[in-house]
């Protein structure tokens, strides 16, 4: 069994809270992406509107990647 210091466990708890917040934000962004793709699928869009939707999808993907990278696990405990 591992013996972790109280400070270490508090740090992990704080990271877990931050990660949960990020995952909630990611879920919202993924839902928005799904809505955009459904809108594009169900409507005849002009080329300009298609590009606008595509650009927004790329922006959302970048935001998701940034949230994920900023809150990824900073340590390995399973050794």
Foldseek 3Di string as FASTA:
>chain_A
DDDDDPVVVVVVVVLVVLLVVLVVVLVVLVVVLVVLVVVPVVDDDDPVVVVVSVVSNVVSVVSNVVSCVVSPDPDDDPD
